[in-house]
N, C-alpha and C. Protein backbone atom coordinates (compact mmCIF):
# COMPACT_ATOMS: atom_id res chain seq x y z
N UNK A 1 0.86 -1.19 0.00
CA UNK A 1 0.00 0.00 0.00
C UNK A 1 0.89 1.24 0.00
N UNK A 2 0.80 2.02 -1.01
CA UNK A 2 1.73 3.11 -1.19
C UNK A 2 1.46 4.30 -0.31
N UNK A 3 2.52 5.10 -0.08
CA UNK A 3 2.38 6.30 0.73
C UNK A 3 1.49 7.33 0.07
N UNK A 4 1.47 7.35 -1.28
CA UNK A 4 0.63 8.31 -1.99
C UNK A 4 -0.84 8.11 -1.65
N UNK A 5 -1.28 6.84 -1.68
CA UNK A 5 -2.66 6.54 -1.32
C UNK A 5 -2.95 6.93 0.11
N UNK A 6 -2.00 6.61 1.01
CA UNK A 6 -2.22 6.87 2.43
C UNK A 6 -2.37 8.34 2.72
N UNK A 7 -1.66 9.17 1.96
CA UNK A 7 -1.68 10.60 2.24
C UNK A 7 -2.80 11.33 1.52
N UNK A 8 -3.36 10.73 0.46
CA UNK A 8 -4.31 11.47 -0.36
C UNK A 8 -5.77 11.19 0.00
N UNK A 9 -6.05 10.09 0.68
CA UNK A 9 -7.43 9.72 0.97
C UNK A 9 -7.78 10.03 2.42
N UNK A 10 -9.02 10.50 2.68
CA UNK A 10 -9.46 10.63 4.07
C UNK A 10 -9.38 9.27 4.75
N UNK A 11 -8.85 9.25 5.96
CA UNK A 11 -8.60 7.97 6.62
C UNK A 11 -9.03 8.01 8.08
N UNK A 12 -9.27 6.82 8.62
CA UNK A 12 -9.58 6.64 10.03
C UNK A 12 -8.59 5.63 10.61
N UNK A 13 -8.11 5.89 11.82
CA UNK A 13 -7.16 4.99 12.47
C UNK A 13 -7.84 4.17 13.56
N UNK A 14 -7.39 2.92 13.73
CA UNK A 14 -7.95 2.02 14.73
C UNK A 14 -6.81 1.37 15.50
N UNK A 15 -6.79 1.61 16.79
CA UNK A 15 -5.71 1.16 17.67
C UNK A 15 -6.26 0.23 18.74
N UNK A 16 -5.66 -0.94 18.88
CA UNK A 16 -6.07 -1.83 19.95
C UNK A 16 -4.86 -2.55 20.52
N UNK A 17 -5.04 -3.13 21.70
CA UNK A 17 -3.98 -3.87 22.38
C UNK A 17 -4.57 -5.19 22.86
N UNK A 18 -3.87 -6.27 22.57
CA UNK A 18 -4.30 -7.60 23.01
C UNK A 18 -3.33 -8.13 24.05
N UNK A 19 -3.86 -8.85 25.01
CA UNK A 19 -3.05 -9.40 26.09
C UNK A 19 -2.89 -10.90 25.92
N UNK A 20 -1.65 -11.35 25.73
CA UNK A 20 -1.37 -12.78 25.64
C UNK A 20 -0.88 -13.25 27.01
N UNK A 21 -1.46 -14.31 27.55
CA UNK A 21 -1.10 -14.73 28.91
C UNK A 21 0.37 -15.10 29.08
N UNK A 22 1.03 -15.51 27.99
CA UNK A 22 2.43 -15.90 28.09
C UNK A 22 3.38 -14.79 27.67
N UNK A 23 3.07 -14.11 26.56
CA UNK A 23 4.03 -13.18 25.97
C UNK A 23 3.81 -11.72 26.36
N UNK A 24 2.62 -11.36 26.76
CA UNK A 24 2.36 -9.98 27.16
C UNK A 24 1.46 -9.24 26.19
N UNK A 25 1.67 -7.94 26.07
CA UNK A 25 0.79 -7.07 25.29
C UNK A 25 1.28 -6.91 23.86
N UNK A 26 0.34 -7.08 22.90
CA UNK A 26 0.61 -6.85 21.49
C UNK A 26 -0.27 -5.69 21.03
N UNK A 27 0.32 -4.70 20.38
CA UNK A 27 -0.45 -3.59 19.85
C UNK A 27 -0.63 -3.71 18.36
N UNK A 28 -1.79 -3.28 17.87
CA UNK A 28 -2.06 -3.27 16.44
C UNK A 28 -2.71 -1.96 16.04
N UNK A 29 -2.32 -1.44 14.88
CA UNK A 29 -2.86 -0.17 14.39
C UNK A 29 -3.21 -0.32 12.92
N UNK A 30 -4.49 -0.16 12.60
CA UNK A 30 -5.00 -0.30 11.24
C UNK A 30 -5.54 1.04 10.77
N UNK A 31 -5.12 1.45 9.58
CA UNK A 31 -5.63 2.69 8.97
C UNK A 31 -6.50 2.30 7.78
N UNK A 32 -7.74 2.80 7.79
CA UNK A 32 -8.70 2.50 6.74
C UNK A 32 -9.13 3.76 6.02
N UNK A 33 -9.51 3.60 4.75
CA UNK A 33 -10.20 4.69 4.08
C UNK A 33 -11.59 4.79 4.68
N UNK A 34 -12.28 5.86 4.40
CA UNK A 34 -13.65 6.01 4.91
C UNK A 34 -14.62 5.04 4.24
N UNK A 35 -14.15 4.30 3.22
CA UNK A 35 -14.93 3.23 2.62
C UNK A 35 -14.63 1.89 3.29
N UNK A 36 -13.73 1.89 4.28
CA UNK A 36 -13.42 0.68 5.01
C UNK A 36 -12.31 -0.16 4.44
N UNK A 37 -11.54 0.38 3.47
CA UNK A 37 -10.46 -0.39 2.85
C UNK A 37 -9.13 -0.06 3.53
N UNK A 38 -8.27 -1.07 3.71
CA UNK A 38 -7.02 -0.84 4.45
C UNK A 38 -6.00 -0.03 3.66
N UNK A 39 -5.35 0.89 4.36
CA UNK A 39 -4.24 1.65 3.82
C UNK A 39 -2.92 1.22 4.44
N UNK A 40 -2.93 1.01 5.76
CA UNK A 40 -1.71 0.63 6.47
C UNK A 40 -2.08 -0.26 7.65
N UNK A 41 -1.12 -1.12 8.01
CA UNK A 41 -1.25 -1.90 9.23
C UNK A 41 0.11 -2.01 9.89
N UNK A 42 0.15 -1.76 11.20
CA UNK A 42 1.39 -1.86 11.96
C UNK A 42 1.11 -2.61 13.25
N UNK A 43 2.11 -3.35 13.73
CA UNK A 43 1.95 -4.04 15.00
C UNK A 43 3.26 -4.01 15.77
N UNK A 44 3.19 -4.25 17.06
CA UNK A 44 4.37 -4.22 17.91
C UNK A 44 4.80 -5.62 18.28
N UNK A 45 6.06 -5.74 18.68
CA UNK A 45 6.51 -6.95 19.36
C UNK A 45 5.87 -6.97 20.74
N UNK A 46 5.77 -8.14 21.36
CA UNK A 46 5.11 -8.20 22.67
C UNK A 46 5.88 -7.41 23.73
N UNK A 47 5.12 -6.79 24.62
CA UNK A 47 5.67 -6.04 25.73
C UNK A 47 5.14 -6.64 27.03
N UNK A 48 6.05 -6.97 27.93
CA UNK A 48 5.64 -7.55 29.21
C UNK A 48 6.40 -6.83 30.32
N UNK A 49 5.71 -6.08 31.16
CA UNK A 49 6.41 -5.34 32.21
C UNK A 49 7.04 -6.28 33.23
N UNK A 50 8.21 -5.89 33.72
CA UNK A 50 8.83 -6.68 34.77
C UNK A 50 8.30 -6.23 36.14
N UNK A 51 8.68 -6.94 37.15
CA UNK A 51 8.16 -6.66 38.49
C UNK A 51 8.57 -5.27 38.97
N UNK A 52 9.78 -4.85 38.63
CA UNK A 52 10.24 -3.52 39.04
C UNK A 52 9.36 -2.43 38.43
N UNK A 53 9.00 -2.59 37.15
CA UNK A 53 8.13 -1.61 36.50
C UNK A 53 6.75 -1.60 37.15
N UNK A 54 6.23 -2.77 37.47
CA UNK A 54 4.92 -2.84 38.11
C UNK A 54 4.92 -2.09 39.44
N UNK A 55 6.02 -2.21 40.18
CA UNK A 55 6.11 -1.54 41.48
C UNK A 55 6.28 -0.03 41.30
N UNK A 56 7.21 0.37 40.42
CA UNK A 56 7.56 1.78 40.29
C UNK A 56 6.48 2.60 39.60
N UNK A 57 5.82 2.02 38.60
CA UNK A 57 4.78 2.76 37.89
C UNK A 57 3.44 2.72 38.63
N UNK A 58 3.23 1.70 39.42
CA UNK A 58 2.00 1.62 40.21
C UNK A 58 0.76 1.75 39.35
N UNK A 59 -0.19 2.61 39.75
CA UNK A 59 -1.45 2.74 39.00
C UNK A 59 -1.30 3.41 37.65
N UNK A 60 -0.11 3.96 37.34
CA UNK A 60 0.11 4.60 36.04
C UNK A 60 0.68 3.63 35.01
N UNK A 61 0.84 2.36 35.38
CA UNK A 61 1.49 1.40 34.48
C UNK A 61 0.72 1.20 33.18
N UNK A 62 -0.60 1.05 33.27
CA UNK A 62 -1.39 0.81 32.05
C UNK A 62 -1.27 1.97 31.08
N UNK A 63 -1.38 3.21 31.56
CA UNK A 63 -1.25 4.37 30.69
C UNK A 63 0.12 4.41 30.04
N UNK A 64 1.16 4.04 30.77
CA UNK A 64 2.52 4.02 30.22
C UNK A 64 2.64 2.97 29.12
N UNK A 65 2.18 1.76 29.39
CA UNK A 65 2.32 0.67 28.42
C UNK A 65 1.46 0.90 27.18
N UNK A 66 0.17 1.19 27.39
CA UNK A 66 -0.76 1.32 26.28
C UNK A 66 -0.56 2.63 25.51
N UNK A 67 -0.27 3.70 26.24
CA UNK A 67 -0.16 5.00 25.60
C UNK A 67 1.21 5.30 25.04
N UNK A 68 2.22 5.29 25.91
CA UNK A 68 3.57 5.69 25.50
C UNK A 68 4.30 4.58 24.76
N UNK A 69 4.31 3.36 25.32
CA UNK A 69 5.08 2.28 24.73
C UNK A 69 4.45 1.72 23.46
N UNK A 70 3.14 1.59 23.43
CA UNK A 70 2.46 0.94 22.30
C UNK A 70 1.81 1.96 21.37
N UNK A 71 0.88 2.76 21.89
CA UNK A 71 0.15 3.69 21.04
C UNK A 71 1.04 4.69 20.33
N UNK A 72 1.93 5.34 21.08
CA UNK A 72 2.82 6.33 20.46
C UNK A 72 3.71 5.69 19.40
N UNK A 73 4.23 4.51 19.69
CA UNK A 73 5.09 3.81 18.73
C UNK A 73 4.36 3.49 17.43
N UNK A 74 3.16 2.95 17.54
CA UNK A 74 2.42 2.55 16.34
C UNK A 74 2.01 3.75 15.50
N UNK A 75 1.50 4.79 16.12
CA UNK A 75 1.03 5.95 15.36
C UNK A 75 2.19 6.68 14.70
N UNK A 76 3.35 6.66 15.32
CA UNK A 76 4.52 7.33 14.72
C UNK A 76 5.03 6.59 13.49
N UNK A 77 4.71 5.30 13.37
CA UNK A 77 5.16 4.51 12.22
C UNK A 77 4.31 4.72 10.99
N UNK A 78 3.11 5.25 11.16
CA UNK A 78 2.16 5.35 10.04
C UNK A 78 2.43 6.57 9.18
N UNK A 79 2.19 6.42 7.89
CA UNK A 79 2.33 7.53 6.94
C UNK A 79 1.06 8.37 6.88
N UNK A 80 -0.08 7.72 6.98
CA UNK A 80 -1.36 8.42 6.86
C UNK A 80 -1.65 9.25 8.10
N UNK A 81 -2.27 10.39 7.89
CA UNK A 81 -2.75 11.24 8.98
C UNK A 81 -4.26 11.10 9.04
N UNK A 82 -4.78 10.27 9.94
CA UNK A 82 -6.23 10.02 9.95
C UNK A 82 -7.01 11.21 10.49
N UNK A 83 -8.29 11.24 10.15
CA UNK A 83 -9.18 12.26 10.70
C UNK A 83 -9.33 12.09 12.20
N UNK A 84 -9.47 10.83 12.63
CA UNK A 84 -9.67 10.47 14.02
C UNK A 84 -9.01 9.11 14.24
N UNK A 85 -8.48 8.88 15.43
CA UNK A 85 -8.01 7.56 15.82
C UNK A 85 -9.00 6.99 16.84
N UNK A 86 -9.45 5.77 16.59
CA UNK A 86 -10.40 5.09 17.48
C UNK A 86 -9.68 3.96 18.22
N UNK A 87 -10.07 3.72 19.46
CA UNK A 87 -9.55 2.59 20.21
C UNK A 87 -10.69 1.92 20.96
N UNK A 88 -10.55 0.63 21.22
CA UNK A 88 -11.52 -0.06 22.07
C UNK A 88 -10.90 -0.41 23.42
N UNK A 89 -9.71 0.12 23.68
CA UNK A 89 -9.01 -0.11 24.94
C UNK A 89 -8.91 1.21 25.71
N UNK A 90 -9.56 1.27 26.84
CA UNK A 90 -9.58 2.50 27.61
C UNK A 90 -8.19 3.03 27.96
N UNK A 91 -7.21 2.20 28.40
CA UNK A 91 -5.89 2.74 28.73
C UNK A 91 -5.17 3.36 27.53
N UNK A 92 -5.55 2.94 26.31
CA UNK A 92 -4.90 3.48 25.11
C UNK A 92 -5.27 4.93 24.86
N UNK A 93 -6.27 5.46 25.56
CA UNK A 93 -6.58 6.88 25.44
C UNK A 93 -5.40 7.75 25.87
N UNK A 94 -4.48 7.17 26.64
CA UNK A 94 -3.29 7.90 27.07
C UNK A 94 -2.40 8.25 25.88
N UNK A 95 -2.60 7.61 24.74
CA UNK A 95 -1.83 7.93 23.53
C UNK A 95 -2.06 9.37 23.09
N UNK A 96 -3.19 9.93 23.44
CA UNK A 96 -3.54 11.29 23.00
C UNK A 96 -2.49 12.32 23.42
N UNK A 97 -1.81 12.05 24.50
CA UNK A 97 -0.77 12.96 24.99
C UNK A 97 0.38 13.12 24.01
N UNK A 98 0.54 12.14 23.11
CA UNK A 98 1.70 12.11 22.23
C UNK A 98 1.38 12.39 20.77
N UNK A 99 0.11 12.59 20.44
CA UNK A 99 -0.28 12.80 19.04
C UNK A 99 -1.18 14.02 18.93
N UNK A 100 -1.29 14.55 17.73
CA UNK A 100 -2.14 15.71 17.49
C UNK A 100 -3.56 15.33 17.07
N UNK A 101 -3.74 14.10 16.63
CA UNK A 101 -5.04 13.65 16.14
C UNK A 101 -5.98 13.31 17.29
N UNK A 102 -7.25 13.71 17.23
CA UNK A 102 -8.21 13.32 18.26
C UNK A 102 -8.30 11.80 18.37
N UNK A 103 -8.41 11.31 19.59
CA UNK A 103 -8.46 9.88 19.85
C UNK A 103 -9.67 9.59 20.73
N UNK A 104 -10.49 8.62 20.31
CA UNK A 104 -11.76 8.38 20.99
C UNK A 104 -11.93 6.91 21.31
N UNK A 105 -12.59 6.63 22.42
CA UNK A 105 -12.90 5.27 22.82
C UNK A 105 -14.23 4.84 22.20
N UNK A 106 -14.22 3.70 21.51
CA UNK A 106 -15.44 3.15 20.91
C UNK A 106 -16.04 2.14 21.88
N UNK A 107 -17.28 2.39 22.30
CA UNK A 107 -17.96 1.50 23.23
C UNK A 107 -18.69 0.39 22.47
N UNK A 108 -18.90 -0.76 23.10
CA UNK A 108 -19.65 -1.84 22.46
C UNK A 108 -21.05 -1.37 22.07
N UNK A 109 -21.60 -2.02 21.07
CA UNK A 109 -22.90 -1.63 20.52
C UNK A 109 -23.99 -1.57 21.57
N UNK A 110 -23.96 -2.50 22.51
CA UNK A 110 -24.99 -2.54 23.54
C UNK A 110 -24.88 -1.42 24.54
N UNK A 111 -23.79 -0.63 24.49
CA UNK A 111 -23.66 0.50 25.39
C UNK A 111 -22.84 0.22 26.62
N UNK A 112 -22.59 -1.05 26.94
CA UNK A 112 -21.84 -1.37 28.15
C UNK A 112 -20.38 -1.56 27.80
N UNK A 113 -19.50 -0.94 28.55
CA UNK A 113 -18.08 -1.12 28.32
C UNK A 113 -17.68 -2.48 28.84
N UNK A 114 -17.01 -3.24 28.01
CA UNK A 114 -16.63 -4.59 28.40
C UNK A 114 -15.14 -4.65 28.64
N UNK A 115 -14.75 -5.44 29.61
CA UNK A 115 -13.35 -5.74 29.84
C UNK A 115 -13.13 -7.21 29.53
N UNK A 116 -11.89 -7.59 29.26
CA UNK A 116 -11.59 -8.98 28.97
C UNK A 116 -11.80 -9.30 27.51
N UNK A 117 -12.23 -10.50 27.23
CA UNK A 117 -12.32 -10.96 25.85
C UNK A 117 -13.45 -10.26 25.11
N UNK A 118 -13.18 -9.91 23.84
CA UNK A 118 -14.17 -9.23 23.02
C UNK A 118 -15.28 -10.15 22.57
N UNK A 119 -16.35 -9.54 22.06
CA UNK A 119 -17.48 -10.33 21.59
C UNK A 119 -17.04 -11.25 20.45
N UNK A 120 -17.51 -12.47 20.49
CA UNK A 120 -17.18 -13.41 19.44
C UNK A 120 -15.81 -14.03 19.58
N UNK A 121 -15.08 -13.72 20.68
CA UNK A 121 -13.73 -14.22 20.83
C UNK A 121 -13.65 -15.53 21.62
N UNK A 122 -14.77 -16.04 22.11
CA UNK A 122 -14.71 -17.20 22.99
C UNK A 122 -14.02 -18.42 22.38
N UNK A 123 -14.12 -18.67 21.04
CA UNK A 123 -13.40 -19.81 20.49
C UNK A 123 -11.90 -19.55 20.36
N UNK A 124 -11.43 -18.32 20.68
CA UNK A 124 -10.04 -17.96 20.50
C UNK A 124 -9.44 -17.68 21.88
N UNK A 125 -8.91 -18.71 22.56
CA UNK A 125 -8.46 -18.53 23.93
C UNK A 125 -7.11 -17.86 24.04
N UNK A 126 -6.43 -17.62 22.92
CA UNK A 126 -5.06 -17.13 22.96
C UNK A 126 -4.95 -15.74 23.56
N UNK A 127 -5.83 -14.84 23.17
CA UNK A 127 -5.73 -13.46 23.56
C UNK A 127 -6.94 -13.03 24.37
N UNK A 128 -6.72 -12.09 25.26
CA UNK A 128 -7.80 -11.37 25.92
C UNK A 128 -7.67 -9.91 25.55
N UNK A 129 -8.76 -9.14 25.62
CA UNK A 129 -8.70 -7.74 25.21
C UNK A 129 -8.74 -6.83 26.42
N UNK A 130 -7.76 -5.97 26.56
CA UNK A 130 -7.77 -4.90 27.55
C UNK A 130 -8.21 -5.34 28.92
N UNK A 131 -7.43 -6.21 29.58
CA UNK A 131 -7.86 -6.71 30.88
C UNK A 131 -7.78 -5.63 31.94
N UNK A 132 -8.54 -5.75 33.03
CA UNK A 132 -8.38 -4.81 34.13
C UNK A 132 -6.98 -4.89 34.69
N UNK A 133 -6.49 -3.80 35.25
CA UNK A 133 -5.13 -3.77 35.77
C UNK A 133 -4.98 -4.74 36.93
N UNK A 134 -6.02 -4.89 37.77
CA UNK A 134 -5.98 -5.84 38.88
C UNK A 134 -7.22 -6.71 38.81
N UNK A 135 -7.08 -8.00 39.11
CA UNK A 135 -8.24 -8.89 39.01
C UNK A 135 -9.35 -8.51 39.98
N UNK A 136 -9.02 -7.80 41.07
CA UNK A 136 -10.07 -7.42 42.01
C UNK A 136 -10.70 -6.09 41.68
N UNK A 137 -10.27 -5.47 40.58
CA UNK A 137 -10.80 -4.16 40.19
C UNK A 137 -12.04 -4.37 39.34
N UNK A 138 -13.20 -3.87 39.70
CA UNK A 138 -14.40 -4.08 38.90
C UNK A 138 -14.28 -3.40 37.55
N UNK A 139 -14.81 -4.02 36.53
CA UNK A 139 -14.76 -3.44 35.20
C UNK A 139 -15.67 -2.23 35.11
N UNK A 140 -15.41 -1.39 34.10
CA UNK A 140 -16.26 -0.24 33.88
C UNK A 140 -17.69 -0.69 33.63
N UNK A 141 -17.82 -1.85 32.93
CA UNK A 141 -19.15 -2.33 32.60
C UNK A 141 -19.99 -2.61 33.83
N UNK A 142 -19.33 -2.94 34.94
CA UNK A 142 -20.08 -3.20 36.17
C UNK A 142 -20.63 -1.92 36.78
N UNK A 143 -20.09 -0.78 36.35
CA UNK A 143 -20.48 0.48 36.98
C UNK A 143 -21.10 1.47 36.02
N UNK A 144 -21.10 1.16 34.75
CA UNK A 144 -21.64 2.14 33.80
C UNK A 144 -22.43 1.43 32.72
N UNK A 145 -23.69 1.72 32.62
CA UNK A 145 -24.51 1.25 31.53
C UNK A 145 -24.94 2.49 30.74
N UNK A 146 -24.38 2.64 29.54
CA UNK A 146 -24.62 3.85 28.76
C UNK A 146 -26.08 3.96 28.39
N UNK A 147 -26.58 5.15 28.39
CA UNK A 147 -27.95 5.44 28.03
C UNK A 147 -27.96 6.39 26.84
N UNK A 148 -29.10 6.66 26.31
CA UNK A 148 -29.19 7.64 25.25
C UNK A 148 -28.82 9.00 25.82
N UNK A 149 -28.11 9.78 25.02
CA UNK A 149 -27.65 11.08 25.51
C UNK A 149 -26.23 10.96 26.02
N UNK A 150 -25.83 11.83 26.93
CA UNK A 150 -24.48 11.87 27.45
C UNK A 150 -24.43 11.35 28.87
N UNK A 151 -23.45 10.49 29.15
CA UNK A 151 -23.29 9.88 30.46
C UNK A 151 -21.86 10.07 30.89
N UNK A 152 -21.64 10.46 32.14
CA UNK A 152 -20.30 10.56 32.70
C UNK A 152 -20.07 9.37 33.61
N UNK A 153 -18.89 8.73 33.49
CA UNK A 153 -18.63 7.55 34.31
C UNK A 153 -17.16 7.48 34.67
N UNK A 154 -16.86 6.65 35.65
CA UNK A 154 -15.49 6.47 36.11
C UNK A 154 -14.84 5.33 35.34
N UNK A 155 -13.57 5.46 34.98
CA UNK A 155 -12.87 4.40 34.28
C UNK A 155 -12.53 3.24 35.20
N UNK A 156 -12.12 2.11 34.60
CA UNK A 156 -11.76 0.95 35.40
C UNK A 156 -10.45 1.18 36.14
N UNK A 157 -9.50 1.86 35.51
CA UNK A 157 -8.23 2.16 36.14
C UNK A 157 -8.27 3.59 36.68
N UNK A 158 -7.13 4.03 37.22
CA UNK A 158 -7.07 5.36 37.80
C UNK A 158 -6.84 6.41 36.72
N UNK A 159 -7.76 6.51 35.80
CA UNK A 159 -7.69 7.47 34.73
C UNK A 159 -8.71 8.57 34.91
N UNK A 160 -8.80 9.48 33.92
CA UNK A 160 -9.78 10.57 34.02
C UNK A 160 -11.20 10.06 33.86
N UNK A 161 -12.15 10.80 34.43
CA UNK A 161 -13.55 10.46 34.21
C UNK A 161 -13.88 10.61 32.74
N UNK A 162 -14.73 9.73 32.24
CA UNK A 162 -15.06 9.69 30.82
C UNK A 162 -16.50 10.11 30.59
N UNK A 163 -16.73 10.69 29.43
CA UNK A 163 -18.06 11.10 29.02
C UNK A 163 -18.45 10.29 27.78
N UNK A 164 -19.56 9.55 27.87
CA UNK A 164 -20.05 8.77 26.74
C UNK A 164 -21.08 9.58 25.96
N UNK A 165 -21.05 9.42 24.64
CA UNK A 165 -22.00 10.15 23.80
C UNK A 165 -22.26 9.36 22.53
N UNK A 166 -23.37 9.65 21.89
CA UNK A 166 -23.78 8.97 20.66
C UNK A 166 -23.39 9.82 19.47
N UNK A 167 -22.79 9.17 18.46
CA UNK A 167 -22.48 9.85 17.20
C UNK A 167 -22.93 8.93 16.07
N UNK A 168 -24.06 9.26 15.46
CA UNK A 168 -24.62 8.38 14.44
C UNK A 168 -24.96 7.03 15.05
N UNK A 169 -24.45 5.97 14.45
CA UNK A 169 -24.72 4.62 14.94
C UNK A 169 -23.72 4.18 16.00
N UNK A 170 -22.78 5.04 16.34
CA UNK A 170 -21.67 4.67 17.21
C UNK A 170 -21.78 5.30 18.59
N UNK A 171 -21.41 4.52 19.58
CA UNK A 171 -21.37 4.97 20.96
C UNK A 171 -19.90 5.20 21.34
N UNK A 172 -19.56 6.41 21.72
CA UNK A 172 -18.17 6.81 21.93
C UNK A 172 -17.97 7.39 23.32
N UNK A 173 -16.72 7.52 23.73
CA UNK A 173 -16.41 8.14 25.02
C UNK A 173 -15.08 8.86 24.94
N UNK A 174 -14.97 9.93 25.74
CA UNK A 174 -13.76 10.74 25.81
C UNK A 174 -13.53 11.14 27.27
N UNK A 175 -12.28 11.48 27.61
CA UNK A 175 -12.07 12.07 28.93
C UNK A 175 -12.91 13.33 29.09
N UNK A 176 -13.38 13.56 30.26
CA UNK A 176 -14.29 14.67 30.53
C UNK A 176 -13.69 16.01 30.12
N UNK A 177 -12.39 16.12 30.22
CA UNK A 177 -11.72 17.39 29.92
C UNK A 177 -11.52 17.63 28.42
N UNK A 178 -11.81 16.62 27.56
CA UNK A 178 -11.49 16.70 26.14
C UNK A 178 -12.65 17.24 25.32
N UNK A 179 -13.23 18.35 25.72
CA UNK A 179 -14.39 18.91 25.03
C UNK A 179 -14.04 19.34 23.60
N UNK A 180 -12.84 19.88 23.40
CA UNK A 180 -12.44 20.30 22.06
C UNK A 180 -12.32 19.10 21.13
N UNK A 181 -11.81 17.98 21.63
CA UNK A 181 -11.73 16.77 20.82
C UNK A 181 -13.11 16.29 20.42
N UNK A 182 -14.07 16.39 21.31
CA UNK A 182 -15.43 15.96 20.98
C UNK A 182 -15.98 16.79 19.82
N UNK A 183 -15.72 18.07 19.84
CA UNK A 183 -16.19 18.93 18.75
C UNK A 183 -15.54 18.52 17.43
N UNK A 184 -14.21 18.31 17.46
CA UNK A 184 -13.49 17.92 16.25
C UNK A 184 -13.97 16.57 15.71
N UNK A 185 -14.17 15.63 16.61
CA UNK A 185 -14.63 14.30 16.20
C UNK A 185 -16.00 14.37 15.56
N UNK A 186 -16.89 15.16 16.14
CA UNK A 186 -18.22 15.34 15.57
C UNK A 186 -18.16 15.92 14.17
N UNK A 187 -17.30 16.90 13.97
CA UNK A 187 -17.16 17.54 12.66
C UNK A 187 -16.54 16.58 11.65
N UNK A 188 -15.49 15.90 12.05
CA UNK A 188 -14.73 15.07 11.11
C UNK A 188 -15.43 13.77 10.75
N UNK A 189 -16.27 13.26 11.65
CA UNK A 189 -16.96 11.99 11.37
C UNK A 189 -18.41 12.18 10.94
N UNK A 190 -18.87 13.41 10.86
CA UNK A 190 -20.28 13.66 10.58
C UNK A 190 -20.76 12.96 9.31
N UNK A 191 -19.93 12.96 8.28
CA UNK A 191 -20.33 12.39 6.99
C UNK A 191 -20.49 10.88 7.03
N UNK A 192 -19.76 10.21 7.95
CA UNK A 192 -19.75 8.74 7.96
C UNK A 192 -20.32 8.15 9.25
N UNK A 193 -20.80 8.98 10.15
CA UNK A 193 -21.23 8.49 11.47
C UNK A 193 -22.36 7.48 11.40
N UNK A 194 -23.25 7.61 10.42
CA UNK A 194 -24.38 6.69 10.31
C UNK A 194 -24.02 5.42 9.55
N UNK A 195 -23.07 5.48 8.65
CA UNK A 195 -22.79 4.34 7.78
C UNK A 195 -21.60 3.50 8.24
N UNK A 196 -20.69 4.06 9.05
CA UNK A 196 -19.45 3.37 9.41
C UNK A 196 -19.58 2.81 10.82
N UNK A 197 -19.43 1.49 10.94
CA UNK A 197 -19.41 0.83 12.24
C UNK A 197 -17.99 0.89 12.77
N UNK A 198 -17.74 1.78 13.71
CA UNK A 198 -16.38 2.01 14.20
C UNK A 198 -15.87 0.87 15.07
N UNK A 199 -16.74 -0.05 15.50
CA UNK A 199 -16.30 -1.18 16.32
C UNK A 199 -15.78 -2.34 15.46
N UNK A 200 -16.22 -2.44 14.22
CA UNK A 200 -15.90 -3.61 13.39
C UNK A 200 -14.40 -3.78 13.10
N UNK A 201 -13.63 -2.72 12.80
CA UNK A 201 -12.22 -2.92 12.44
C UNK A 201 -11.37 -3.55 13.53
N UNK A 202 -11.78 -3.45 14.78
CA UNK A 202 -10.97 -4.04 15.85
C UNK A 202 -10.91 -5.55 15.75
N UNK A 203 -11.96 -6.17 15.25
CA UNK A 203 -11.92 -7.61 15.05
C UNK A 203 -10.91 -7.98 13.97
N UNK A 204 -10.80 -7.17 12.94
CA UNK A 204 -9.78 -7.41 11.91
C UNK A 204 -8.38 -7.38 12.52
N UNK A 205 -8.14 -6.38 13.38
CA UNK A 205 -6.82 -6.25 14.00
C UNK A 205 -6.53 -7.46 14.89
N UNK A 206 -7.51 -7.88 15.69
CA UNK A 206 -7.30 -9.02 16.57
C UNK A 206 -6.95 -10.28 15.77
N UNK A 207 -7.68 -10.50 14.68
CA UNK A 207 -7.41 -11.68 13.87
C UNK A 207 -6.04 -11.59 13.20
N UNK A 208 -5.66 -10.40 12.74
CA UNK A 208 -4.35 -10.22 12.11
C UNK A 208 -3.22 -10.47 13.12
N UNK A 209 -3.39 -9.99 14.34
CA UNK A 209 -2.38 -10.22 15.36
C UNK A 209 -2.28 -11.69 15.75
N UNK A 210 -3.42 -12.35 15.80
CA UNK A 210 -3.40 -13.78 16.11
C UNK A 210 -2.71 -14.57 15.02
N UNK A 211 -2.94 -14.18 13.74
CA UNK A 211 -2.26 -14.85 12.63
C UNK A 211 -0.77 -14.61 12.68
N UNK A 212 -0.36 -13.39 13.01
CA UNK A 212 1.07 -13.08 13.11
C UNK A 212 1.71 -13.89 14.23
N UNK A 213 0.99 -14.04 15.34
CA UNK A 213 1.53 -14.81 16.46
C UNK A 213 1.67 -16.28 16.08
N UNK A 214 0.70 -16.82 15.34
CA UNK A 214 0.78 -18.21 14.91
C UNK A 214 1.98 -18.42 13.98
N UNK A 215 2.26 -17.42 13.14
CA UNK A 215 3.31 -17.56 12.15
C UNK A 215 4.70 -17.64 12.76
N UNK A 216 4.90 -17.02 13.94
CA UNK A 216 6.24 -17.01 14.54
C UNK A 216 6.46 -18.13 15.53
N UNK A 217 5.48 -18.96 15.74
CA UNK A 217 5.65 -20.09 16.68
C UNK A 217 6.48 -21.19 16.06
């Protein structure tokens, strides 16, 4: 996929992180045209924090791993400048600190934020999606059931409070302080908000990462 295509077409970015019980975190970043066709795909080698990092970073570990180590690395590798970057992993919102493009959390269609394995992933035991930082930490889904309109809720980890909102057929969320990003996202996605399912590309990334993992075994 050439750089000319990547730079000339309106594009959307999709960032996710998968957790492998043995190898650690794998990041994947897919750039699509607004027609849903791929322009670029990038992935990371597995990242697994050591015990010293877990102790020293404490509650900021997820933001460091998902945002700085994975999200920043993947987005810096891409040639295309997307209109918006979407993620289905709440800790990956920390990537926004390192990029100029608005970054938004895509909520499941039913409105409830899910932790652990994604929908339809039960036959694929290899990876889990965006696990809670601690097993005793309740998931966001246990505390927030999105409703029509705007809802403010607390994240699963020690992150900023998030605001959920509807844009076309998609249910999205942003940190409460990111009001300017919400305006930009509304403007930039207005043309495709009803026709583009922003949750669908994450399944493509998960399957691509699983295939890559199988290939190196």
